[in-house]
All heavy atoms as atom14 arrays in JSON, in Angstrom:
{
  "sequence": "SDLANDLHARPTSDRLPLLTSLGLCVLAARACDLAILDGVHLD",
  "atom14_mask": [
    [1, 1, 1, 1, 1, 1, 0, 0, 0, 0, 0, 0, 0, 0],
    [1, 1, 1, 1, 1, 1, 1, 1, 0, 0, 0, 0, 0, 0],
    [1, 1, 1, 1, 1, 1, 1, 1, 0, 0, 0, 0, 0, 0],
    [1, 1, 1, 1, 1, 0, 0, 0, 0, 0, 0, 0, 0, 0],
    [1, 1, 1, 1, 1, 1, 1, 1, 0, 0, 0, 0, 0, 0],
    [1, 1, 1, 1, 1, 1, 1, 1, 0, 0, 0, 0, 0, 0],
    [1, 1, 1, 1, 1, 1, 1, 1, 0, 0, 0, 0, 0, 0],
    [1, 1, 1, 1, 1, 1, 1, 1, 1, 1, 0, 0, 0, 0],
    [1, 1, 1, 1, 1, 0, 0, 0, 0, 0, 0, 0, 0, 0],
    [1, 1, 1, 1, 1, 1, 1, 1, 1, 1, 1, 0, 0, 0],
    [1, 1, 1, 1, 1, 1, 1, 0, 0, 0, 0, 0, 0, 0],
    [1, 1, 1, 1, 1, 1, 1, 0, 0, 0, 0, 0, 0, 0],
    [1, 1, 1, 1, 1, 1, 0, 0, 0, 0, 0, 0, 0, 0],
    [1, 1, 1, 1, 1, 1, 1, 1, 0, 0, 0, 0, 0, 0],
    [1, 1, 1, 1, 1, 1, 1, 1, 1, 1, 1, 0, 0, 0],
    [1, 1, 1, 1, 1, 1, 1, 1, 0, 0, 0, 0, 0, 0],
    [1, 1, 1, 1, 1, 1, 1, 0, 0, 0, 0, 0, 0, 0],
    [1, 1, 1, 1, 1, 1, 1, 1, 0, 0, 0, 0, 0, 0],
    [1, 1, 1, 1, 1, 1, 1, 1, 0, 0, 0, 0, 0, 0],
    [1, 1, 1, 1, 1, 1, 1, 0, 0, 0, 0, 0, 0, 0],
    [1, 1, 1, 1, 1, 1, 0, 0, 0, 0, 0, 0, 0, 0],
    [1, 1, 1, 1, 1, 1, 1, 1, 0, 0, 0, 0, 0, 0],
    [1, 1, 1, 1, 0, 0, 0, 0, 0, 0, 0, 0, 0, 0],
    [1, 1, 1, 1, 1, 1, 1, 1, 0, 0, 0, 0, 0, 0],
    [1, 1, 1, 1, 1, 1, 0, 0, 0, 0, 0, 0, 0, 0],
    [1, 1, 1, 1, 1, 1, 1, 0, 0, 0, 0, 0, 0, 0],
    [1, 1, 1, 1, 1, 1, 1, 1, 0, 0, 0, 0, 0, 0],
    [1, 1, 1, 1, 1, 0, 0, 0, 0, 0, 0, 0, 0, 0],
    [1, 1, 1, 1, 1, 0, 0, 0, 0, 0, 0, 0, 0, 0],
    [1, 1, 1, 1, 1, 1, 1, 1, 1, 1, 1, 0, 0, 0],
    [1, 1, 1, 1, 1, 0, 0, 0, 0, 0, 0, 0, 0, 0],
    [1, 1, 1, 1, 1, 1, 0, 0, 0, 0, 0, 0, 0, 0],
    [1, 1, 1, 1, 1, 1, 1, 1, 0, 0, 0, 0, 0, 0],
    [1, 1, 1, 1, 1, 1, 1, 1, 0, 0, 0, 0, 0, 0],
    [1, 1, 1, 1, 1, 0, 0, 0, 0, 0, 0, 0, 0, 0],
    [1, 1, 1, 1, 1, 1, 1, 1, 0, 0, 0, 0, 0, 0],
    [1, 1, 1, 1, 1, 1, 1, 1, 0, 0, 0, 0, 0, 0],
    [1, 1, 1, 1, 1, 1, 1, 1, 0, 0, 0, 0, 0, 0],
    [1, 1, 1, 1, 0, 0, 0, 0, 0, 0, 0, 0, 0, 0],
    [1, 1, 1, 1, 1, 1, 1, 0, 0, 0, 0, 0, 0, 0],
    [1, 1, 1, 1, 1, 1, 1, 1, 1, 1, 0, 0, 0, 0],
    [1, 1, 1, 1, 1, 1, 1, 1, 0, 0, 0, 0, 0, 0],
    [1, 1, 1, 1, 1, 1, 1, 1, 0, 0, 0, 0, 0, 0]
  ],
  "atom14_positions": [
    [[108.43, 71.78, 127.42], [108.77, 71.15, 126.14], [108.02, 69.84, 125.95], [107.37, 69.61, 124.92], [110.27, 70.92, 126.04], [110.98, 72.15, 126.13], [0.0, 0.0, 0.0], [0.0, 0.0, 0.0], [0.0, 0.0, 0.0], [0.0, 0.0, 0.0], [0.0, 0.0, 0.0], [0.0, 0.0, 0.0], [0.0, 0.0, 0.0], [0.0, 0.0, 0.0]],
    [[108.1, 68.97, 126.96], [107.38, 67.69, 126.89], [105.88, 67.93, 126.84], [105.14, 67.24, 126.12], [107.72, 66.82, 128.09], [109.07, 66.13, 127.95], [109.65, 66.21, 126.85], [109.54, 65.53, 128.92], [0.0, 0.0, 0.0], [0.0, 0.0, 0.0], [0.0, 0.0, 0.0], [0.0, 0.0, 0.0], [0.0, 0.0, 0.0], [0.0, 0.0, 0.0]],
    [[105.41, 68.91, 127.61], [103.98, 69.19, 127.66], [103.47, 69.66, 126.3], [102.43, 69.18, 125.81], [103.69, 70.25, 128.72], [102.23, 70.66, 128.88], [101.36, 69.46, 129.26], [102.11, 71.77, 129.91], [0.0, 0.0, 0.0], [0.0, 0.0, 0.0], [0.0, 0.0, 0.0], [0.0, 0.0, 0.0], [0.0, 0.0, 0.0], [0.0, 0.0, 0.0]],
    [[104.19, 70.58, 125.67], [103.77, 71.07, 124.35], [103.74, 69.93, 123.34], [102.83, 69.86, 122.5], [104.72, 72.17, 123.88], [0.0, 0.0, 0.0], [0.0, 0.0, 0.0], [0.0, 0.0, 0.0], [0.0, 0.0, 0.0], [0.0, 0.0, 0.0], [0.0, 0.0, 0.0], [0.0, 0.0, 0.0], [0.0, 0.0, 0.0], [0.0, 0.0, 0.0]],
    [[104.69, 69.02, 123.44], [104.72, 67.88, 122.53], [103.49, 66.99, 122.73], [102.84, 66.57, 121.77], [106.0, 67.08, 122.76], [106.14, 65.92, 121.8], [106.31, 66.11, 120.6], [106.08, 64.69, 122.32], [0.0, 0.0, 0.0], [0.0, 0.0, 0.0], [0.0, 0.0, 0.0], [0.0, 0.0, 0.0], [0.0, 0.0, 0.0], [0.0, 0.0, 0.0]],
    [[103.17, 66.71, 124.0], [102.01, 65.86, 124.28], [100.7, 66.52, 123.88], [99.73, 65.83, 123.52], [101.97, 65.52, 125.78], [102.99, 64.47, 126.17], [103.71, 63.96, 125.28], [103.08, 64.14, 127.37], [0.0, 0.0, 0.0], [0.0, 0.0, 0.0], [0.0, 0.0, 0.0], [0.0, 0.0, 0.0], [0.0, 0.0, 0.0], [0.0, 0.0, 0.0]],
    [[100.66, 67.82, 123.95], [99.45, 68.56, 123.59], [99.29, 68.71, 122.09], [98.24, 69.16, 121.61], [99.47, 69.96, 124.23], [99.34, 70.03, 125.75], [99.51, 71.46, 126.23], [98.01, 69.46, 126.23], [0.0, 0.0, 0.0], [0.0, 0.0, 0.0], [0.0, 0.0, 0.0], [0.0, 0.0, 0.0], [0.0, 0.0, 0.0], [0.0, 0.0, 0.0]],
    [[100.33, 68.36, 121.34], [100.37, 68.6, 119.89], [100.24, 70.09, 119.61], [99.66, 70.5, 118.6], [99.26, 67.84, 119.16], [99.29, 66.37, 119.41], [98.25, 65.54, 119.07], [100.23, 65.55, 119.97], [98.54, 64.3, 119.41], [99.73, 64.27, 119.95], [0.0, 0.0, 0.0], [0.0, 0.0, 0.0], [0.0, 0.0, 0.0], [0.0, 0.0, 0.0]],
    [[100.8, 70.9, 120.53], [100.69, 72.34, 120.39], [101.78, 72.88, 119.47], [102.9, 72.39, 119.45], [100.82, 73.0, 121.77], [0.0, 0.0, 0.0], [0.0, 0.0, 0.0], [0.0, 0.0, 0.0], [0.0, 0.0, 0.0], [0.0, 0.0, 0.0], [0.0, 0.0, 0.0], [0.0, 0.0, 0.0], [0.0, 0.0, 0.0], [0.0, 0.0, 0.0]],
    [[101.44, 73.9, 118.73], [102.41, 74.56, 117.87], [103.15, 75.63, 118.67], [102.55, 76.3, 119.52], [101.72, 75.19, 116.66], [100.99, 74.2, 115.78], [100.4, 74.87, 114.56], [101.46, 75.39, 113.68], [101.21, 76.07, 112.56], [99.95, 76.32, 112.2], [102.2, 76.51, 111.82], [0.0, 0.0, 0.0], [0.0, 0.0, 0.0], [0.0, 0.0, 0.0]],
    [[104.46, 75.81, 118.44], [105.2, 76.84, 119.18], [104.73, 78.24, 118.8], [104.59, 78.56, 117.61], [106.65, 76.61, 118.75], [106.55, 75.9, 117.44], [105.32, 75.07, 117.49], [0.0, 0.0, 0.0], [0.0, 0.0, 0.0], [0.0, 0.0, 0.0], [0.0, 0.0, 0.0], [0.0, 0.0, 0.0], [0.0, 0.0, 0.0], [0.0, 0.0, 0.0]],
    [[104.47, 79.06, 119.78], [104.06, 80.45, 119.54], [104.85, 81.35, 120.48], [105.23, 80.94, 121.58], [102.56, 80.66, 119.79], [102.27, 80.42, 121.17], [101.72, 79.73, 118.93], [0.0, 0.0, 0.0], [0.0, 0.0, 0.0], [0.0, 0.0, 0.0], [0.0, 0.0, 0.0], [0.0, 0.0, 0.0], [0.0, 0.0, 0.0], [0.0, 0.0, 0.0]],
    [[105.09, 82.57, 120.06], [105.89, 83.49, 120.88], [105.2, 83.86, 122.18], [105.85, 84.18, 123.17], [106.19, 84.76, 120.07], [104.99, 85.42, 119.7], [0.0, 0.0, 0.0], [0.0, 0.0, 0.0], [0.0, 0.0, 0.0], [0.0, 0.0, 0.0], [0.0, 0.0, 0.0], [0.0, 0.0, 0.0], [0.0, 0.0, 0.0], [0.0, 0.0, 0.0]],
    [[103.87, 83.8, 122.2], [103.13, 84.17, 123.41], [102.79, 82.97, 124.31], [102.18, 83.13, 125.35], [101.84, 84.92, 123.06], [100.9, 84.11, 122.16], [101.18, 82.9, 121.92], [99.9, 84.67, 121.68], [0.0, 0.0, 0.0], [0.0, 0.0, 0.0], [0.0, 0.0, 0.0], [0.0, 0.0, 0.0], [0.0, 0.0, 0.0], [0.0, 0.0, 0.0]],
    [[103.19, 81.78, 123.88], [102.94, 80.52, 124.63], [101.45, 80.32, 124.93], [101.1, 79.68, 125.93], [103.76, 80.48, 125.93], [105.25, 80.52, 125.73], [105.99, 80.02, 126.95], [105.78, 80.85, 128.11], [106.27, 80.56, 129.33], [106.99, 79.47, 129.51], [106.04, 81.35, 130.35], [0.0, 0.0, 0.0], [0.0, 0.0, 0.0], [0.0, 0.0, 0.0]],
    [[100.61, 80.87, 124.09], [99.17, 80.77, 124.3], [98.69, 79.33, 124.49], [97.85, 79.07, 125.37], [98.42, 81.44, 123.15], [96.9, 81.49, 123.27], [96.48, 82.26, 124.51], [96.3, 82.13, 122.02], [0.0, 0.0, 0.0], [0.0, 0.0, 0.0], [0.0, 0.0, 0.0], [0.0, 0.0, 0.0], [0.0, 0.0, 0.0], [0.0, 0.0, 0.0]],
    [[99.2, 78.33, 123.73], [98.71, 76.96, 123.93], [99.02, 76.39, 125.31], [98.38, 75.42, 125.74], [99.46, 76.16, 122.85], [99.83, 77.17, 121.82], [100.11, 78.42, 122.58], [0.0, 0.0, 0.0], [0.0, 0.0, 0.0], [0.0, 0.0, 0.0], [0.0, 0.0, 0.0], [0.0, 0.0, 0.0], [0.0, 0.0, 0.0], [0.0, 0.0, 0.0]],
    [[99.97, 77.0, 126.02], [100.37, 76.49, 127.34], [99.77, 77.26, 128.5], [99.93, 76.86, 129.66], [101.9, 76.54, 127.47], [102.7, 75.67, 126.5], [104.2, 75.9, 126.71], [102.37, 74.2, 126.67], [0.0, 0.0, 0.0], [0.0, 0.0, 0.0], [0.0, 0.0, 0.0], [0.0, 0.0, 0.0], [0.0, 0.0, 0.0], [0.0, 0.0, 0.0]],
    [[99.09, 78.35, 128.23], [98.66, 79.23, 129.32], [97.71, 78.55, 130.31], [97.79, 78.79, 131.52], [98.0, 80.49, 128.75], [98.95, 81.52, 128.14], [98.19, 82.76, 127.69], [100.05, 81.89, 129.12], [0.0, 0.0, 0.0], [0.0, 0.0, 0.0], [0.0, 0.0, 0.0], [0.0, 0.0, 0.0], [0.0, 0.0, 0.0], [0.0, 0.0, 0.0]],
    [[96.82, 77.71, 129.81], [95.91, 77.0, 130.73], [96.7, 76.13, 131.68], [96.47, 76.15, 132.9], [94.91, 76.14, 129.94], [94.08, 76.99, 129.15], [94.03, 75.33, 130.9], [0.0, 0.0, 0.0], [0.0, 0.0, 0.0], [0.0, 0.0, 0.0], [0.0, 0.0, 0.0], [0.0, 0.0, 0.0], [0.0, 0.0, 0.0], [0.0, 0.0, 0.0]],
    [[97.66, 75.39, 131.17], [98.47, 74.5, 132.0], [99.33, 75.3, 132.99], [99.43, 74.94, 134.17], [99.38, 73.64, 131.11], [98.63, 72.85, 130.23], [0.0, 0.0, 0.0], [0.0, 0.0, 0.0], [0.0, 0.0, 0.0], [0.0, 0.0, 0.0], [0.0, 0.0, 0.0], [0.0, 0.0, 0.0], [0.0, 0.0, 0.0], [0.0, 0.0, 0.0]],
    [[99.93, 76.36, 132.51], [100.75, 77.19, 133.39], [99.9, 77.76, 134.53], [100.3, 77.74, 135.7], [101.4, 78.33, 132.59], [102.4, 77.94, 131.51], [102.81, 79.16, 130.69], [103.62, 77.26, 132.11], [0.0, 0.0, 0.0], [0.0, 0.0, 0.0], [0.0, 0.0, 0.0], [0.0, 0.0, 0.0], [0.0, 0.0, 0.0], [0.0, 0.0, 0.0]],
    [[98.73, 78.26, 134.18], [97.85, 78.84, 135.2], [97.38, 77.82, 136.22], [97.33, 78.11, 137.43], [0.0, 0.0, 0.0], [0.0, 0.0, 0.0], [0.0, 0.0, 0.0], [0.0, 0.0, 0.0], [0.0, 0.0, 0.0], [0.0, 0.0, 0.0], [0.0, 0.0, 0.0], [0.0, 0.0, 0.0], [0.0, 0.0, 0.0], [0.0, 0.0, 0.0]],
    [[97.01, 76.63, 135.77], [96.55, 75.59, 136.69], [97.65, 75.22, 137.69], [97.38, 75.0, 138.88], [96.11, 74.36, 135.91], [94.76, 74.45, 135.2], [94.54, 73.22, 134.31], [93.63, 74.59, 136.21], [0.0, 0.0, 0.0], [0.0, 0.0, 0.0], [0.0, 0.0, 0.0], [0.0, 0.0, 0.0], [0.0, 0.0, 0.0], [0.0, 0.0, 0.0]],
    [[98.88, 75.17, 137.21], [99.98, 74.78, 138.1], [100.34, 75.9, 139.07], [100.68, 75.63, 140.23], [101.2, 74.35, 137.27], [100.96, 72.76, 136.45], [0.0, 0.0, 0.0], [0.0, 0.0, 0.0], [0.0, 0.0, 0.0], [0.0, 0.0, 0.0], [0.0, 0.0, 0.0], [0.0, 0.0, 0.0], [0.0, 0.0, 0.0], [0.0, 0.0, 0.0]],
    [[100.27, 77.15, 138.62], [100.48, 78.26, 139.55], [99.41, 78.25, 140.64], [99.7, 78.43, 141.84], [100.48, 79.61, 138.81], [100.46, 80.78, 139.8], [101.71, 79.72, 137.9], [0.0, 0.0, 0.0], [0.0, 0.0, 0.0], [0.0, 0.0, 0.0], [0.0, 0.0, 0.0], [0.0, 0.0, 0.0], [0.0, 0.0, 0.0], [0.0, 0.0, 0.0]],
    [[98.16, 78.01, 140.25], [97.07, 77.93, 141.23], [97.34, 76.82, 142.25], [97.18, 77.01, 143.46], [95.75, 77.66, 140.51], [95.04, 78.85, 139.88], [93.91, 78.37, 138.98], [94.5, 79.79, 140.96], [0.0, 0.0, 0.0], [0.0, 0.0, 0.0], [0.0, 0.0, 0.0], [0.0, 0.0, 0.0], [0.0, 0.0, 0.0], [0.0, 0.0, 0.0]],
    [[97.74, 75.65, 141.76], [97.99, 74.52, 142.65], [99.14, 74.81, 143.6], [99.07, 74.51, 144.8], [98.3, 73.27, 141.83], [0.0, 0.0, 0.0], [0.0, 0.0, 0.0], [0.0, 0.0, 0.0], [0.0, 0.0, 0.0], [0.0, 0.0, 0.0], [0.0, 0.0, 0.0], [0.0, 0.0, 0.0], [0.0, 0.0, 0.0], [0.0, 0.0, 0.0]],
    [[100.21, 75.42, 143.08], [101.36, 75.73, 143.92], [100.99, 76.74, 145.0], [101.31, 76.55, 146.19], [102.5, 76.26, 143.07], [0.0, 0.0, 0.0], [0.0, 0.0, 0.0], [0.0, 0.0, 0.0], [0.0, 0.0, 0.0], [0.0, 0.0, 0.0], [0.0, 0.0, 0.0], [0.0, 0.0, 0.0], [0.0, 0.0, 0.0], [0.0, 0.0, 0.0]],
    [[100.31, 77.79, 144.63], [99.98, 78.83, 145.62], [98.95, 78.33, 146.64], [98.99, 78.72, 147.81], [99.46, 80.08, 144.91], [100.47, 80.73, 143.98], [101.81, 80.94, 144.65], [102.77, 81.53, 143.73], [104.07, 81.31, 143.75], [104.59, 80.49, 144.65], [104.88, 81.9, 142.89], [0.0, 0.0, 0.0], [0.0, 0.0, 0.0], [0.0, 0.0, 0.0]],
    [[98.05, 77.46, 146.2], [97.07, 76.91, 147.14], [97.74, 76.1, 148.23], [97.24, 76.01, 149.36], [96.06, 76.04, 146.4], [0.0, 0.0, 0.0], [0.0, 0.0, 0.0], [0.0, 0.0, 0.0], [0.0, 0.0, 0.0], [0.0, 0.0, 0.0], [0.0, 0.0, 0.0], [0.0, 0.0, 0.0], [0.0, 0.0, 0.0], [0.0, 0.0, 0.0]],
    [[98.89, 75.5, 147.91], [99.62, 74.67, 148.88], [100.86, 75.35, 149.41], [101.7, 74.7, 150.05], [99.98, 73.33, 148.23], [98.55, 72.33, 147.8], [0.0, 0.0, 0.0], [0.0, 0.0, 0.0], [0.0, 0.0, 0.0], [0.0, 0.0, 0.0], [0.0, 0.0, 0.0], [0.0, 0.0, 0.0], [0.0, 0.0, 0.0], [0.0, 0.0, 0.0]],
    [[101.02, 76.65, 149.13], [102.15, 77.44, 149.61], [103.48, 76.85, 149.14], [104.43, 76.7, 149.91], [102.13, 77.53, 151.14], [103.02, 78.66, 151.66], [103.27, 79.6, 150.89], [103.47, 78.59, 152.82], [0.0, 0.0, 0.0], [0.0, 0.0, 0.0], [0.0, 0.0, 0.0], [0.0, 0.0, 0.0], [0.0, 0.0, 0.0], [0.0, 0.0, 0.0]],
    [[103.54, 76.52, 147.86], [104.74, 75.95, 147.26], [105.4, 76.95, 146.32], [104.75, 77.87, 145.83], [104.4, 74.69, 146.46], [103.67, 73.56, 147.15], [103.43, 72.42, 146.17], [104.44, 73.08, 148.37], [0.0, 0.0, 0.0], [0.0, 0.0, 0.0], [0.0, 0.0, 0.0], [0.0, 0.0, 0.0], [0.0, 0.0, 0.0], [0.0, 0.0, 0.0]],
    [[106.67, 76.72, 146.04], [107.35, 77.46, 144.98], [106.97, 76.86, 143.63], [106.51, 75.72, 143.55], [108.86, 77.38, 145.18], [0.0, 0.0, 0.0], [0.0, 0.0, 0.0], [0.0, 0.0, 0.0], [0.0, 0.0, 0.0], [0.0, 0.0, 0.0], [0.0, 0.0, 0.0], [0.0, 0.0, 0.0], [0.0, 0.0, 0.0], [0.0, 0.0, 0.0]],
    [[107.18, 77.64, 142.56], [106.91, 77.11, 141.22], [107.85, 77.77, 140.23], [108.05, 78.99, 140.25], [105.44, 77.29, 140.8], [105.2, 76.64, 139.43], [105.0, 78.74, 140.84], [103.73, 76.43, 139.09], [0.0, 0.0, 0.0], [0.0, 0.0, 0.0], [0.0, 0.0, 0.0], [0.0, 0.0, 0.0], [0.0, 0.0, 0.0], [0.0, 0.0, 0.0]],
    [[108.46, 76.93, 139.37], [109.43, 77.39, 138.39], [108.89, 77.2, 136.98], [108.33, 76.15, 136.66], [110.74, 76.62, 138.55], [111.42, 76.71, 139.91], [112.63, 75.79, 139.96], [111.81, 78.15, 140.23], [0.0, 0.0, 0.0], [0.0, 0.0, 0.0], [0.0, 0.0, 0.0], [0.0, 0.0, 0.0], [0.0, 0.0, 0.0], [0.0, 0.0, 0.0]],
    [[109.1, 78.19, 136.15], [108.67, 78.13, 134.76], [109.6, 77.22, 133.96], [110.72, 76.93, 134.36], [108.67, 79.55, 134.18], [107.82, 79.69, 132.93], [107.25, 78.68, 132.48], [107.74, 80.82, 132.41], [0.0, 0.0, 0.0], [0.0, 0.0, 0.0], [0.0, 0.0, 0.0], [0.0, 0.0, 0.0], [0.0, 0.0, 0.0], [0.0, 0.0, 0.0]],
    [[109.12, 76.77, 132.8], [109.88, 75.86, 131.96], [111.0, 76.55, 131.19], [111.12, 77.77, 131.18], [0.0, 0.0, 0.0], [0.0, 0.0, 0.0], [0.0, 0.0, 0.0], [0.0, 0.0, 0.0], [0.0, 0.0, 0.0], [0.0, 0.0, 0.0], [0.0, 0.0, 0.0], [0.0, 0.0, 0.0], [0.0, 0.0, 0.0], [0.0, 0.0, 0.0]],
    [[111.81, 75.76, 130.52], [112.98, 76.27, 129.81], [112.58, 76.92, 128.49], [111.52, 76.63, 127.93], [114.0, 75.13, 129.54], [114.45, 74.5, 130.84], [113.42, 74.08, 128.6], [0.0, 0.0, 0.0], [0.0, 0.0, 0.0], [0.0, 0.0, 0.0], [0.0, 0.0, 0.0], [0.0, 0.0, 0.0], [0.0, 0.0, 0.0], [0.0, 0.0, 0.0]],
    [[113.47, 77.78, 128.01], [113.35, 78.37, 126.67], [114.45, 77.75, 125.83], [115.64, 77.92, 126.11], [113.52, 79.9, 126.76], [113.3, 80.61, 125.47], [112.03, 80.9, 124.99], [114.16, 81.1, 124.55], [112.13, 81.55, 123.84], [113.41, 81.67, 123.55], [0.0, 0.0, 0.0], [0.0, 0.0, 0.0], [0.0, 0.0, 0.0], [0.0, 0.0, 0.0]],
    [[114.07, 77.0, 124.81], [115.03, 76.16, 124.1], [115.9, 76.89, 123.09], [117.01, 76.43, 122.79], [114.28, 75.02, 123.39], [113.59, 74.0, 124.3], [112.84, 72.98, 123.45], [114.59, 73.3, 125.21], [0.0, 0.0, 0.0], [0.0, 0.0, 0.0], [0.0, 0.0, 0.0], [0.0, 0.0, 0.0], [0.0, 0.0, 0.0], [0.0, 0.0, 0.0]],
    [[115.43, 77.99, 122.53], [116.16, 78.69, 121.48], [117.16, 79.66, 122.09], [116.83, 80.79, 122.44], [115.18, 79.42, 120.56], [115.86, 80.0, 119.33], [117.1, 79.99, 119.27], [115.14, 80.47, 118.42], [0.0, 0.0, 0.0], [0.0, 0.0, 0.0], [0.0, 0.0, 0.0], [0.0, 0.0, 0.0], [0.0, 0.0, 0.0], [0.0, 0.0, 0.0]]
  ]
}
């Protein structure tokens, strides 16, 4: 939610504006053998 606001991204059902950020964080977590949790769904 905070990330989308900072990006000035418009809400979309496919979360396309967030996919780059989500992917980068999954990569970082797996590279360091960490867990990773997805963000909340507000509606």
